Protein backbone atom coordinates (compact mmCIF):
# COMPACT_ATOMS: atom_id res chain seq x y z
CA MET A 1 -55.09 -4.72 -19.31
CA SER A 2 -52.93 -5.82 -22.23
CA PHE A 3 -49.37 -6.54 -21.23
CA VAL A 4 -48.08 -9.43 -23.32
CA SER A 5 -46.34 -7.80 -26.29
CA PRO A 6 -42.75 -6.50 -26.12
CA THR A 7 -44.17 -2.96 -26.27
CA ASP A 8 -46.45 -3.70 -23.30
CA ILE A 9 -43.63 -5.18 -21.23
CA LYS A 10 -41.39 -2.19 -21.93
CA ARG A 11 -44.24 0.21 -21.15
CA ILE A 12 -44.92 -1.38 -17.77
CA ALA A 13 -41.20 -1.49 -16.98
CA ALA A 14 -40.95 2.22 -17.74
CA LYS A 15 -44.07 3.02 -15.69
CA TYR A 16 -42.60 1.41 -12.59
CA ASP A 17 -38.98 2.26 -13.38
CA PHE A 18 -38.33 -1.47 -13.30
CA ARG A 19 -34.87 -2.73 -14.20
CA PHE A 20 -34.53 -6.36 -15.22
CA LYS A 21 -32.10 -8.26 -12.98
CA LYS A 22 -29.97 -10.78 -14.80
CA GLY A 23 -29.14 -12.42 -11.46
CA LEU A 24 -32.82 -13.30 -10.94
CA GLY A 25 -33.19 -14.71 -14.44
CA GLN A 26 -35.84 -12.15 -15.36
CA ASN A 27 -36.82 -12.81 -18.98
CA PHE A 28 -40.51 -12.11 -19.53
CA LEU A 29 -42.51 -14.02 -22.14
CA THR A 30 -44.26 -11.99 -24.86
CA SER A 31 -46.21 -14.67 -26.76
CA GLN A 32 -49.93 -15.04 -26.06
CA GLU A 33 -49.94 -18.38 -27.86
CA VAL A 34 -47.21 -19.83 -25.63
CA LEU A 35 -48.92 -18.52 -22.51
CA GLU A 36 -52.15 -20.23 -23.49
CA ASP A 37 -50.30 -23.47 -24.24
CA ILE A 38 -48.67 -23.45 -20.79
CA ALA A 39 -51.98 -22.76 -19.05
CA GLU A 40 -53.73 -25.51 -21.02
CA ALA A 41 -50.91 -27.96 -20.30
CA ALA A 42 -51.42 -27.38 -16.57
CA GLU A 43 -54.84 -29.10 -16.85
CA ILE A 44 -56.34 -26.92 -14.15
CA ASP A 45 -60.02 -27.48 -14.97
CA GLY A 46 -61.27 -24.98 -12.40
CA GLY A 47 -59.03 -26.23 -9.60
CA GLY A 48 -56.08 -24.64 -7.85
CA VAL A 49 -52.63 -23.78 -9.13
CA ILE A 50 -49.38 -22.47 -7.72
CA GLU A 51 -47.25 -20.32 -9.99
CA ILE A 52 -43.56 -19.81 -9.35
CA GLY A 53 -42.08 -16.52 -10.55
CA PRO A 54 -45.03 -14.57 -12.02
CA GLY A 55 -42.90 -11.64 -13.17
CA PHE A 56 -45.32 -9.07 -14.64
CA GLY A 57 -48.19 -11.55 -14.32
CA VAL A 58 -48.64 -12.52 -17.97
CA LEU A 59 -48.94 -16.26 -17.24
CA THR A 60 -50.82 -15.55 -14.00
CA ASN A 61 -53.45 -13.83 -16.11
CA GLU A 62 -54.03 -16.98 -18.17
CA LEU A 63 -54.01 -19.25 -15.12
CA ALA A 64 -56.53 -17.03 -13.32
CA LYS A 65 -58.97 -17.40 -16.23
CA ARG A 66 -58.96 -21.17 -15.76
CA ALA A 67 -58.47 -21.72 -12.02
CA ASP A 68 -60.63 -21.21 -8.96
CA LYS A 69 -57.54 -19.94 -7.17
CA VAL A 70 -53.98 -19.03 -8.10
CA VAL A 71 -51.20 -18.57 -5.54
CA ALA A 72 -48.15 -16.94 -7.13
CA LEU A 73 -44.75 -16.94 -5.43
CA GLU A 74 -42.50 -14.02 -6.39
CA ILE A 75 -39.06 -13.46 -4.88
CA ASP A 76 -38.60 -9.87 -6.16
CA ASP A 77 -40.39 -7.35 -3.92
CA ARG A 78 -40.08 -4.70 -6.65
CA LEU A 79 -42.74 -6.61 -8.57
CA MET A 80 -45.42 -6.39 -5.88
CA PRO A 81 -46.91 -3.06 -7.08
CA VAL A 82 -46.63 -4.19 -10.71
CA LEU A 83 -48.58 -7.38 -10.01
CA ALA A 84 -51.17 -5.49 -7.96
CA ASP A 85 -51.74 -3.38 -11.06
CA THR A 86 -51.63 -6.00 -13.84
CA LEU A 87 -53.78 -8.52 -11.94
CA SER A 88 -56.19 -6.05 -10.35
CA GLU A 89 -59.22 -7.48 -12.19
CA TYR A 90 -58.84 -10.91 -10.54
CA ASP A 91 -60.10 -11.71 -7.06
CA ASN A 92 -58.87 -15.31 -7.24
CA VAL A 93 -55.15 -14.49 -7.27
CA LYS A 94 -52.94 -14.32 -4.18
CA ILE A 95 -49.37 -13.03 -4.51
CA ILE A 96 -46.80 -14.09 -1.92
CA ASN A 97 -43.45 -12.29 -1.82
CA ARG A 98 -41.26 -15.26 -0.91
CA ASP A 99 -38.41 -17.37 -2.24
CA VAL A 100 -39.82 -20.77 -3.22
CA MET A 101 -36.58 -22.46 -2.14
CA LYS A 102 -37.10 -21.19 1.41
CA MET A 103 -40.74 -22.21 1.74
CA ASP A 104 -42.53 -25.29 2.97
CA ILE A 105 -44.57 -25.92 -0.17
CA ALA A 106 -46.42 -28.86 1.36
CA ALA A 107 -47.63 -26.61 4.19
CA LEU A 108 -48.59 -23.90 1.69
CA ILE A 109 -50.69 -26.36 -0.32
CA ALA A 110 -52.37 -27.69 2.81
CA GLU A 111 -53.23 -24.16 3.90
CA GLU A 112 -54.30 -22.66 0.57
CA PHE A 113 -55.77 -25.75 -1.10
CA PRO A 114 -56.90 -28.13 1.67
CA GLY A 115 -57.62 -31.61 0.36
CA GLU A 116 -57.09 -30.56 -3.25
CA ARG A 117 -54.66 -32.03 -5.78
CA ILE A 118 -53.33 -29.02 -7.63
CA SER A 119 -51.04 -28.04 -10.49
CA ILE A 120 -47.82 -26.07 -10.41
CA ALA A 121 -46.81 -23.86 -13.33
CA ALA A 122 -43.65 -21.84 -13.75
CA ASN A 123 -41.39 -19.96 -16.10
CA LEU A 124 -38.28 -20.88 -14.15
CA PRO A 125 -35.15 -18.72 -13.97
CA TYR A 126 -32.31 -20.60 -15.62
CA TYR A 127 -29.88 -20.24 -12.73
CA ILE A 128 -32.00 -22.29 -10.32
CA THR A 129 -34.11 -24.49 -12.60
CA THR A 130 -32.81 -27.91 -11.57
CA PRO A 131 -32.86 -27.28 -7.78
CA ILE A 132 -36.48 -26.08 -7.94
CA ILE A 133 -37.64 -29.05 -10.03
CA THR A 134 -35.75 -31.51 -7.82
CA THR A 135 -37.14 -29.95 -4.63
CA ILE A 136 -40.73 -30.09 -5.89
CA ILE A 137 -40.46 -33.68 -7.09
CA GLU A 138 -38.73 -35.00 -3.98
CA ALA A 139 -41.16 -33.23 -1.64
CA ARG A 140 -43.94 -35.64 -2.70
CA LEU A 141 -46.51 -32.89 -2.82
CA ASN A 142 -50.22 -33.29 -3.42
CA ILE A 143 -49.95 -32.16 -7.04
CA LYS A 144 -51.11 -33.71 -10.30
CA ASN A 145 -48.65 -32.07 -12.62
CA LEU A 146 -45.74 -29.67 -12.90
CA VAL A 147 -45.57 -27.54 -16.06
CA VAL A 148 -42.35 -25.60 -16.44
CA MET A 149 -40.69 -23.49 -19.08
CA VAL A 150 -36.97 -24.10 -18.84
CA GLN A 151 -33.91 -23.73 -21.02
CA LYS A 152 -33.86 -26.29 -23.81
CA GLU A 153 -30.85 -28.17 -22.43
CA VAL A 154 -32.60 -28.87 -19.11
CA ALA A 155 -35.78 -29.94 -20.88
CA ASP A 156 -33.77 -32.37 -22.97
CA ARG A 157 -32.32 -33.86 -19.77
CA ILE A 158 -35.75 -34.14 -18.14
CA THR A 159 -37.23 -36.08 -21.06
CA ALA A 160 -34.08 -38.00 -22.14
CA GLN A 161 -34.20 -41.74 -22.77
CA PRO A 162 -31.50 -44.32 -21.86
CA GLY A 163 -28.55 -44.42 -24.21
CA THR A 164 -28.70 -40.74 -25.17
CA LYS A 165 -26.18 -38.04 -24.30
CA ASP A 166 -28.72 -36.08 -22.23
CA TYR A 167 -29.77 -39.05 -20.09
CA GLY A 168 -28.66 -38.64 -16.50
CA ALA A 169 -29.70 -38.56 -12.84
CA LEU A 170 -32.32 -35.86 -13.48
CA SER A 171 -33.86 -37.99 -16.24
CA VAL A 172 -34.14 -40.97 -13.88
CA LEU A 173 -35.58 -38.86 -11.06
CA CYS A 174 -38.26 -37.39 -13.31
CA ALA A 175 -39.12 -40.74 -14.92
CA TYR A 176 -39.40 -42.46 -11.53
CA TYR A 177 -41.97 -40.00 -10.15
CA THR A 178 -43.56 -38.58 -13.29
CA GLU A 179 -44.39 -39.00 -16.95
CA ALA A 180 -42.52 -36.17 -18.64
CA GLU A 181 -43.25 -34.83 -22.09
CA THR A 182 -42.28 -31.85 -24.23
CA ILE A 183 -45.16 -29.45 -24.91
CA ARG A 184 -43.42 -26.99 -27.20
CA ARG A 185 -40.22 -25.13 -28.00
CA VAL A 186 -39.99 -21.40 -27.25
CA PRO A 187 -37.39 -19.36 -29.15
CA ALA A 188 -35.35 -16.75 -27.30
CA GLU A 189 -36.77 -13.86 -29.31
CA LEU A 190 -40.16 -14.32 -27.62
CA PHE A 191 -38.78 -12.90 -24.35
CA VAL A 192 -37.95 -9.42 -23.05
CA PRO A 193 -35.05 -9.19 -22.56
CA PRO A 194 -34.18 -12.18 -24.80
CA PRO A 195 -32.05 -14.87 -23.12
CA LYS A 196 -29.05 -16.36 -24.88
CA VAL A 197 -30.70 -19.77 -25.36
CA ASP A 198 -34.08 -21.15 -26.46
CA SER A 199 -36.57 -22.55 -23.97
CA THR A 200 -38.90 -25.53 -23.84
CA VAL A 201 -42.20 -26.11 -22.05
CA VAL A 202 -42.28 -29.48 -20.29
CA ARG A 203 -45.16 -31.16 -18.47
CA MET A 204 -44.51 -33.74 -15.77
CA ARG A 205 -47.63 -35.66 -14.75
CA PHE A 206 -47.13 -37.27 -11.36
CA ARG A 207 -47.65 -41.02 -11.27
CA GLU A 208 -50.20 -42.62 -8.99
CA GLU A 209 -47.56 -45.31 -8.38
CA LYS A 210 -43.81 -45.05 -8.90
CA ALA A 211 -42.56 -46.27 -12.29
CA VAL A 212 -40.63 -49.17 -10.74
CA SER A 213 -40.67 -51.00 -7.41
CA VAL A 214 -37.60 -50.56 -5.20
CA ASN A 215 -36.81 -51.85 -1.73
CA ASP A 216 -35.12 -48.64 -0.62
CA GLU A 217 -35.58 -45.36 -2.50
CA LYS A 218 -32.59 -43.74 -0.80
CA LEU A 219 -30.36 -46.59 -1.95
CA PHE A 220 -31.92 -46.51 -5.43
CA PHE A 221 -31.03 -42.87 -5.95
CA LYS A 222 -27.59 -43.38 -4.43
CA VAL A 223 -26.96 -46.04 -7.09
CA VAL A 224 -28.22 -43.65 -9.80
CA LYS A 225 -26.03 -40.81 -8.52
CA ALA A 226 -22.97 -43.07 -8.41
CA ALA A 227 -23.68 -44.42 -11.91
CA PHE A 228 -23.55 -40.92 -13.41
CA SER A 229 -20.77 -39.56 -11.21
CA GLN A 230 -18.05 -40.29 -13.79
CA ARG A 231 -19.71 -40.71 -17.17
CA ARG A 232 -16.57 -41.88 -18.98
CA LYS A 233 -15.99 -44.73 -16.56
CA THR A 234 -17.68 -48.10 -16.50
CA LEU A 235 -20.63 -48.71 -14.22
CA LEU A 236 -18.47 -51.12 -12.21
CA ASN A 237 -15.86 -48.47 -11.49
CA CYS A 238 -18.48 -45.86 -10.64
CA LEU A 239 -20.31 -48.13 -8.19
CA ALA A 240 -17.16 -49.48 -6.57
CA SER A 241 -15.96 -45.92 -6.07
CA GLY A 242 -19.31 -44.51 -4.97
CA PHE A 243 -19.98 -47.27 -2.45
CA SER A 244 -16.35 -48.01 -1.49
CA THR A 245 -16.90 -51.71 -2.26
CA ASP A 246 -14.78 -54.51 -3.66
CA LYS A 247 -14.92 -54.60 -7.45
CA ALA A 248 -15.22 -58.37 -7.65
CA GLU A 249 -18.19 -58.44 -5.29
CA THR A 250 -19.81 -55.50 -7.06
CA ALA A 251 -19.37 -57.24 -10.42
CA LYS A 252 -21.06 -60.39 -9.06
CA ILE A 253 -24.07 -58.38 -7.92
CA MET A 254 -24.34 -56.71 -11.31
CA GLU A 255 -24.07 -59.98 -13.18
CA SER A 256 -26.71 -61.55 -10.91
CA VAL A 257 -29.30 -59.18 -12.42
CA GLY A 258 -27.99 -59.48 -15.97
CA ILE A 259 -26.03 -56.22 -16.14
CA ASP A 260 -22.60 -56.25 -17.78
CA PRO A 261 -20.15 -54.53 -15.38
CA MET A 262 -18.48 -52.89 -18.38
CA ARG A 263 -21.59 -50.94 -19.35
CA ARG A 264 -21.90 -47.26 -18.56
CA GLY A 265 -24.60 -45.71 -16.39
CA GLU A 266 -26.31 -43.85 -19.22
CA THR A 267 -27.23 -47.16 -20.89
CA LEU A 268 -29.31 -48.49 -17.99
CA SER A 269 -33.09 -48.32 -18.09
CA LEU A 270 -35.17 -47.39 -15.07
CA SER A 271 -36.03 -51.04 -14.42
CA GLU A 272 -32.35 -52.03 -14.63
CA PHE A 273 -31.45 -49.38 -12.06
CA ALA A 274 -34.24 -50.74 -9.83
CA ASN A 275 -33.07 -54.36 -10.21
CA LEU A 276 -29.50 -53.36 -9.43
CA ALA A 277 -30.46 -51.32 -6.35
CA ASN A 278 -32.68 -54.13 -5.09
CA ALA A 279 -29.82 -56.60 -5.52
CA MET A 280 -27.56 -54.32 -3.50
CA TYR A 281 -30.16 -53.92 -0.75
């Protein structure tokens, strides 16, 4: 069944009297080329893959061609009959009508893909992009990569380098656990209905070992969060406020690892954040 073009999407929507819900971020991709790029970026190689938010199943279709098994998580129960129709030719696809944010993904992987290191692919709804990415990364799942299509602004934050305006806590989180890279840009006109902003496909390959060595990960990320809590203030002020510590003592700790207290959080590299957190341990 062909269902990638704007005409196809509108035809299927009419067939099932489906109304797109803005609140669920339902913008369906209509480019075969982009779909293939996402599927290739997932590096499935015959293994397993979890898809978040299959919509009408256009990406699921490409994933199913490459994977031994696809488990797709869809929050909207109105899409169950649509997916049963559009994916009827595949016996390696399992659709689960659940909210990914309310699921134990680690348990799902253990049950559906025992002993296997899988991929996760998703065209994420804009309203919940960052929480989903953060949840997946922090869950320390048995996955090799996460390929997501997100709004351009979020992609820029994921891949941002120190010293840039987009560099922040999300950038550090992604860099610590993964190697993130931009796969391609996706203009808004390639969706039905078209969103107000362009999108970007990003791949995050999970590291075998964390990017830097820290004594206490919880403390490390608390330092990162504090550093970006007030971007216009100096790192010294942010840390003293975030940890309720004496400024003079905080400055000494910073200087002991070669960090000028007057710098701002967005200028620190991953290794500098690690050195600072370890000094505060």
